[in-house]
Amino acid sequence: FPSHDIVPFNCVIQSYEIAGDTSGDAEIDIYQDSPDSAYPPETSIIGAYTKAYLGSEQYHKSTRDDIEGWQVYLTKGNWIGFNIDSSSTITSCVLILHLRKV
């Protein structure tokens, strides 16, 4: 996994923002697992739904529809990981998750 972190508190993903170093396409999958079950995390919170993405653009702010179907609940203490599944033109990007503490 290129990037991972620990979920700091129980929360729900409300939306995301993604920005690339240039305009292009990118898809990022997000994973979550408890530290005692898997490292790196192996369970996609997105599943078969639309991943966090850039579509021929440099910046994208999600709508509620973009995360429809995601397992948006994140559990305190779990690993959360990110994987760039595909990209074209973009060599680096940042993904920001907007969370609501529950």
C-alpha atoms as a PDB file:
ATOM      1  CA  PHE A   1       0.000   0.000   0.000  1.00  0.00           C
ATOM      2  CA  PRO A   2       1.426   3.357  -0.979  1.00  0.00           C
ATOM      3  CA  SER A   3      -0.415   5.152   1.818  1.00  0.00           C
ATOM      4  CA  HIS A   4      -2.220   4.192   5.018  1.00  0.00           C
ATOM      5  CA  ASP A   5      -3.277   5.653   8.349  1.00  0.00           C
ATOM      6  CA  ILE A   6      -5.231   4.778  11.477  1.00  0.00           C
ATOM      7  CA  VAL A   7      -8.839   5.957  11.848  1.00  0.00           C
ATOM      8  CA  PRO A   8      -8.703   8.422  14.802  1.00  0.00           C
ATOM      9  CA  PHE A   9     -12.388   8.164  15.826  1.00  0.00           C
ATOM     10  CA  ASN A  10     -15.639   6.502  14.745  1.00  0.00           C
ATOM     11  CA  CYS A  11     -16.853   8.518  11.777  1.00  0.00           C
ATOM     12  CA  VAL A  12     -18.789   8.583   8.534  1.00  0.00           C
ATOM     13  CA  ILE A  13     -17.375   9.694   5.176  1.00  0.00           C
ATOM     14  CA  GLN A  14     -19.459  12.649   3.984  1.00  0.00           C
ATOM     15  CA  SER A  15     -17.577  13.476   0.762  1.00  0.00           C
ATOM     16  CA  TYR A  16     -14.089  13.709  -0.714  1.00  0.00           C
ATOM     17  CA  GLU A  17     -11.883  16.023  -2.735  1.00  0.00           C
ATOM     18  CA  ILE A  18      -9.112  14.883  -5.042  1.00  0.00           C
ATOM     19  CA  ALA A  19      -6.485  16.961  -6.839  1.00  0.00           C
ATOM     20  CA  GLY A  20      -3.784  15.865  -9.253  1.00  0.00           C
ATOM     21  CA  ASP A  21      -0.494  17.454 -10.223  1.00  0.00           C
ATOM     22  CA  THR A  22      -1.975  17.953 -13.700  1.00  0.00           C
ATOM     23  CA  SER A  23      -5.242  17.282 -15.507  1.00  0.00           C
ATOM     24  CA  GLY A  24      -5.914  13.627 -16.218  1.00  0.00           C
ATOM     25  CA  ASP A  25      -7.672  10.502 -15.044  1.00  0.00           C
ATOM     26  CA  ALA A  26      -7.217   8.644 -11.753  1.00  0.00           C
ATOM     27  CA  GLU A  27      -9.142   6.101  -9.684  1.00  0.00           C
ATOM     28  CA  ILE A  28      -8.359   5.509  -6.020  1.00  0.00           C
ATOM     29  CA  ASP A  29      -9.713   2.624  -3.965  1.00  0.00           C
ATOM     30  CA  ILE A  30     -10.045   2.951  -0.178  1.00  0.00           C
ATOM     31  CA  TYR A  31      -9.617   0.025   2.211  1.00  0.00           C
ATOM     32  CA  GLN A  32     -10.371  -0.540   5.911  1.00  0.00           C
ATOM     33  CA  ASP A  33      -9.521  -3.416   8.259  1.00  0.00           C
ATOM     34  CA  SER A  34      -8.852  -3.924  11.957  1.00  0.00           C
ATOM     35  CA  PRO A  35      -5.140  -4.131  12.831  1.00  0.00           C
ATOM     36  CA  ASP A  36      -5.528  -7.740  14.026  1.00  0.00           C
ATOM     37  CA  SER A  37      -7.220  -8.937  10.829  1.00  0.00           C
ATOM     38  CA  ALA A  38      -5.045  -7.566   8.053  1.00  0.00           C
ATOM     39  CA  TYR A  39      -2.140  -5.323   7.187  1.00  0.00           C
ATOM     40  CA  PRO A  40      -2.198  -3.799   4.763  1.00  0.00           C
ATOM     41  CA  PRO A  41      -5.995  -3.411   4.905  1.00  0.00           C
ATOM     42  CA  GLU A  42      -7.722  -5.669   2.385  1.00  0.00           C
ATOM     43  CA  THR A  43     -11.442  -4.821   2.616  1.00  0.00           C
ATOM     44  CA  SER A  44     -12.531  -2.193   0.089  1.00  0.00           C
ATOM     45  CA  ILE A  45     -15.095   0.245   1.473  1.00  0.00           C
ATOM     46  CA  ILE A  46     -16.064   1.048  -2.116  1.00  0.00           C
ATOM     47  CA  GLY A  47     -16.693  -2.465  -3.414  1.00  0.00           C
ATOM     48  CA  ALA A  48     -18.136  -2.516  -6.939  1.00  0.00           C
ATOM     49  CA  TYR A  49     -19.202   1.139  -6.772  1.00  0.00           C
ATOM     50  CA  THR A  50     -17.513   4.200  -8.295  1.00  0.00           C
ATOM     51  CA  LYS A  51     -14.090   4.824  -6.775  1.00  0.00           C
ATOM     52  CA  ALA A  52     -12.729   8.228  -5.812  1.00  0.00           C
ATOM     53  CA  TYR A  53     -11.833   9.651  -9.201  1.00  0.00           C
ATOM     54  CA  LEU A  54     -10.569  12.394 -11.457  1.00  0.00           C
ATOM     55  CA  GLY A  55     -12.050  12.341 -14.938  1.00  0.00           C
ATOM     56  CA  SER A  56      -9.964  14.373 -17.395  1.00  0.00           C
ATOM     57  CA  GLU A  57      -9.625  17.105 -14.784  1.00  0.00           C
ATOM     58  CA  GLN A  58      -7.154  18.323 -12.160  1.00  0.00           C
ATOM     59  CA  TYR A  59      -9.627  18.711  -9.275  1.00  0.00           C
ATOM     60  CA  HIS A  60     -12.853  16.961  -8.302  1.00  0.00           C
ATOM     61  CA  LYS A  61     -15.148  17.517  -5.306  1.00  0.00           C
ATOM     62  CA  SER A  62     -17.565  14.662  -4.786  1.00  0.00           C
ATOM     63  CA  THR A  63     -21.300  14.855  -4.467  1.00  0.00           C
ATOM     64  CA  ARG A  64     -23.403  12.530  -2.334  1.00  0.00           C
ATOM     65  CA  ASP A  65     -24.051  10.464  -5.485  1.00  0.00           C
ATOM     66  CA  ASP A  66     -20.287   9.844  -5.912  1.00  0.00           C
ATOM     67  CA  ILE A  67     -20.160   7.855  -2.670  1.00  0.00           C
ATOM     68  CA  GLU A  68     -23.513   6.106  -3.067  1.00  0.00           C
ATOM     69  CA  GLY A  69     -23.027   2.451  -2.112  1.00  0.00           C
ATOM     70  CA  TRP A  70     -19.761   2.958  -0.222  1.00  0.00           C
ATOM     71  CA  GLN A  71     -19.463   1.457   3.253  1.00  0.00           C
ATOM     72  CA  VAL A  72     -18.968   4.949   4.714  1.00  0.00           C
ATOM     73  CA  TYR A  73     -18.672   4.036   8.424  1.00  0.00           C
ATOM     74  CA  LEU A  74     -15.041   4.012   9.621  1.00  0.00           C
ATOM     75  CA  THR A  75     -14.159   2.410  12.966  1.00  0.00           C
ATOM     76  CA  LYS A  76     -11.736   4.006  15.436  1.00  0.00           C
ATOM     77  CA  GLY A  77      -8.399   2.199  15.509  1.00  0.00           C
ATOM     78  CA  ASN A  78      -8.814   0.469  12.137  1.00  0.00           C
ATOM     79  CA  TRP A  79      -6.255   0.776   9.370  1.00  0.00           C
ATOM     80  CA  ILE A  80      -7.397   2.805   6.387  1.00  0.00           C
ATOM     81  CA  GLY A  81      -5.456   2.448   3.164  1.00  0.00           C
ATOM     82  CA  PHE A  82      -5.474   4.022  -0.266  1.00  0.00           C
ATOM     83  CA  ASN A  83      -4.454   2.514  -3.583  1.00  0.00           C
ATOM     84  CA  ILE A  84      -4.258   4.234  -6.963  1.00  0.00           C
ATOM     85  CA  ASP A  85      -5.903   1.635  -9.188  1.00  0.00           C
ATOM     86  CA  SER A  86      -5.377   3.544 -12.434  1.00  0.00           C
ATOM     87  CA  SER A  87      -4.101   6.876 -13.684  1.00  0.00           C
ATOM     88  CA  SER A  88      -3.142   8.611 -16.894  1.00  0.00           C
ATOM     89  CA  THR A  89      -1.092  11.796 -17.130  1.00  0.00           C
ATOM     90  CA  ILE A  90      -1.221  12.288 -13.341  1.00  0.00           C
ATOM     91  CA  THR A  91       1.949  11.315 -11.455  1.00  0.00           C
ATOM     92  CA  SER A  92       0.806  12.369  -7.970  1.00  0.00           C
ATOM     93  CA  CYS A  93      -2.430  13.347  -6.291  1.00  0.00           C
ATOM     94  CA  VAL A  94      -3.982  14.074  -2.925  1.00  0.00           C
ATOM     95  CA  LEU A  95      -7.257  12.624  -1.625  1.00  0.00           C
ATOM     96  CA  ILE A  96      -9.047  14.401   1.231  1.00  0.00           C
ATOM     97  CA  LEU A  97     -11.879  12.633   3.034  1.00  0.00           C
ATOM     98  CA  HIS A  98     -14.485  14.832   4.724  1.00  0.00           C
ATOM     99  CA  LEU A  99     -15.609  13.002   7.872  1.00  0.00           C
ATOM    100  CA  ARG A 100     -18.358  13.426  10.447  1.00  0.00           C
ATOM    101  CA  LYS A 101     -17.575  12.093  13.919  1.00  0.00           C
ATOM    102  CA  VAL A 102     -20.231   9.714  15.286  1.00  0.00           C
END
